[in-house]
Amino acid sequence: MQKKLYRSVIDKKLCGVCGGLGDYFEIDSTLVRLLWVILAFISCGAALLGYLICAIIVPSQPQSIEQPPYTQEPQEPQEP
């Protein structure tokens, strides 16, 4: 199955761009957010424009796609 980049509907703070990038590259979305903030300071705000462009262009994640295991709610064990 081919990987596609989507904005996350579960792991999001603003628009889900960083959560989607974290899912796509299989890294923690907090690291992506920190990198984006650092880039925003270094680039004098140009990274914010990039974030807004990504929020507009990257499609939202369909409900039919299964979430990675680290973003799913833990299931309680079944009693016999």
C-alpha atoms as a PDB file:
ATOM      1  CA  MET A   1       0.000   0.000   0.000  1.00  0.00           C
ATOM      2  CA  GLN A   2       1.305   3.430  -0.932  1.00  0.00           C
ATOM      3  CA  LYS A   3       1.812   5.969   1.860  1.00  0.00           C
ATOM      4  CA  LYS A   4      -0.029   9.273   1.518  1.00  0.00           C
ATOM      5  CA  LEU A   5       0.350  12.483   3.448  1.00  0.00           C
ATOM      6  CA  TYR A   6      -2.782  13.604   5.292  1.00  0.00           C
ATOM      7  CA  ARG A   7      -3.547  16.151   7.989  1.00  0.00           C
ATOM      8  CA  SER A   8      -4.236  14.236  11.184  1.00  0.00           C
ATOM      9  CA  VAL A   9      -7.741  14.435  12.617  1.00  0.00           C
ATOM     10  CA  ILE A  10      -6.729  12.981  15.994  1.00  0.00           C
ATOM     11  CA  ASP A  11      -3.188  14.229  16.667  1.00  0.00           C
ATOM     12  CA  LYS A  12      -3.636  17.929  16.017  1.00  0.00           C
ATOM     13  CA  LYS A  13      -3.121  21.222  17.818  1.00  0.00           C
ATOM     14  CA  LEU A  14      -4.047  23.704  15.068  1.00  0.00           C
ATOM     15  CA  CYS A  15      -4.736  22.133  11.693  1.00  0.00           C
ATOM     16  CA  GLY A  16      -3.149  18.676  12.025  1.00  0.00           C
ATOM     17  CA  VAL A  17      -0.228  19.311   9.668  1.00  0.00           C
ATOM     18  CA  CYS A  18       2.492  18.336  12.165  1.00  0.00           C
ATOM     19  CA  GLY A  19       0.526  15.296  13.325  1.00  0.00           C
ATOM     20  CA  GLY A  20       0.160  14.188   9.721  1.00  0.00           C
ATOM     21  CA  LEU A  21       3.864  14.678   9.039  1.00  0.00           C
ATOM     22  CA  GLY A  22       4.686  12.693  12.171  1.00  0.00           C
ATOM     23  CA  ASP A  23       2.453   9.844  11.004  1.00  0.00           C
ATOM     24  CA  TYR A  24       3.918   9.937   7.495  1.00  0.00           C
ATOM     25  CA  PHE A  25       7.555   9.822   8.651  1.00  0.00           C
ATOM     26  CA  GLU A  26       6.717   7.568  11.642  1.00  0.00           C
ATOM     27  CA  ILE A  27       8.187   9.954  14.222  1.00  0.00           C
ATOM     28  CA  ASP A  28       6.684  11.699  17.218  1.00  0.00           C
ATOM     29  CA  SER A  29       4.606  14.700  16.198  1.00  0.00           C
ATOM     30  CA  THR A  30       6.026  16.707  19.116  1.00  0.00           C
ATOM     31  CA  LEU A  31       9.435  16.597  17.436  1.00  0.00           C
ATOM     32  CA  VAL A  32       7.880  17.843  14.205  1.00  0.00           C
ATOM     33  CA  ARG A  33       6.203  20.702  16.095  1.00  0.00           C
ATOM     34  CA  LEU A  34       9.458  21.685  17.804  1.00  0.00           C
ATOM     35  CA  LEU A  35      11.312  21.620  14.491  1.00  0.00           C
ATOM     36  CA  TRP A  36       8.609  23.782  12.903  1.00  0.00           C
ATOM     37  CA  VAL A  37       8.854  26.368  15.722  1.00  0.00           C
ATOM     38  CA  ILE A  38      12.648  26.471  15.421  1.00  0.00           C
ATOM     39  CA  LEU A  39      12.366  26.923  11.662  1.00  0.00           C
ATOM     40  CA  ALA A  40       9.822  29.717  12.185  1.00  0.00           C
ATOM     41  CA  PHE A  41      12.290  31.635  14.344  1.00  0.00           C
ATOM     42  CA  ILE A  42      15.250  31.012  12.043  1.00  0.00           C
ATOM     43  CA  SER A  43      13.327  31.951   8.897  1.00  0.00           C
ATOM     44  CA  CYS A  44      11.731  35.064  10.453  1.00  0.00           C
ATOM     45  CA  GLY A  45       8.247  33.630  10.041  1.00  0.00           C
ATOM     46  CA  ALA A  46       8.528  32.107   6.561  1.00  0.00           C
ATOM     47  CA  ALA A  47       7.869  28.657   8.048  1.00  0.00           C
ATOM     48  CA  LEU A  48       4.489  29.932   9.253  1.00  0.00           C
ATOM     49  CA  LEU A  49       3.564  30.692   5.663  1.00  0.00           C
ATOM     50  CA  GLY A  50       4.652  27.151   4.766  1.00  0.00           C
ATOM     51  CA  TYR A  51       2.435  25.763   7.533  1.00  0.00           C
ATOM     52  CA  LEU A  52      -0.571  27.714   6.238  1.00  0.00           C
ATOM     53  CA  ILE A  53       0.065  26.499   2.696  1.00  0.00           C
ATOM     54  CA  CYS A  54       0.291  22.897   3.937  1.00  0.00           C
ATOM     55  CA  ALA A  55      -2.923  23.339   5.948  1.00  0.00           C
ATOM     56  CA  ILE A  56      -4.704  24.420   2.774  1.00  0.00           C
ATOM     57  CA  ILE A  57      -3.161  21.955   0.299  1.00  0.00           C
ATOM     58  CA  VAL A  58      -2.777  18.720   2.312  1.00  0.00           C
ATOM     59  CA  PRO A  59      -6.106  16.856   2.527  1.00  0.00           C
ATOM     60  CA  SER A  60      -7.635  15.850   5.841  1.00  0.00           C
ATOM     61  CA  GLN A  61      -7.315  12.214   6.832  1.00  0.00           C
ATOM     62  CA  PRO A  62     -10.323  10.085   5.810  1.00  0.00           C
ATOM     63  CA  GLN A  63     -12.111   8.248   8.617  1.00  0.00           C
ATOM     64  CA  SER A  64     -11.569   4.906   6.846  1.00  0.00           C
ATOM     65  CA  ILE A  65      -7.786   5.001   7.341  1.00  0.00           C
ATOM     66  CA  GLU A  66      -6.553   3.192  10.439  1.00  0.00           C
ATOM     67  CA  GLN A  67      -4.585   5.276  12.931  1.00  0.00           C
ATOM     68  CA  PRO A  68      -1.040   4.261  13.922  1.00  0.00           C
ATOM     69  CA  PRO A  69      -0.903   2.265  17.181  1.00  0.00           C
ATOM     70  CA  TYR A  70       0.540   5.114  19.258  1.00  0.00           C
ATOM     71  CA  THR A  71      -2.418   7.426  18.524  1.00  0.00           C
ATOM     72  CA  GLN A  72      -5.168   4.908  19.223  1.00  0.00           C
ATOM     73  CA  GLU A  73      -6.880   4.733  22.574  1.00  0.00           C
ATOM     74  CA  PRO A  74      -5.705   1.756  24.670  1.00  0.00           C
ATOM     75  CA  GLN A  75      -8.209  -1.058  24.860  1.00  0.00           C
ATOM     76  CA  GLU A  76      -9.208  -2.483  28.205  1.00  0.00           C
ATOM     77  CA  PRO A  77      -8.668  -6.218  28.672  1.00  0.00           C
ATOM     78  CA  GLN A  78     -11.705  -8.452  28.250  1.00  0.00           C
ATOM     79  CA  GLU A  79     -12.877 -10.385  31.294  1.00  0.00           C
ATOM     80  CA  PRO A  80     -13.589 -14.104  30.770  1.00  0.00           C
END
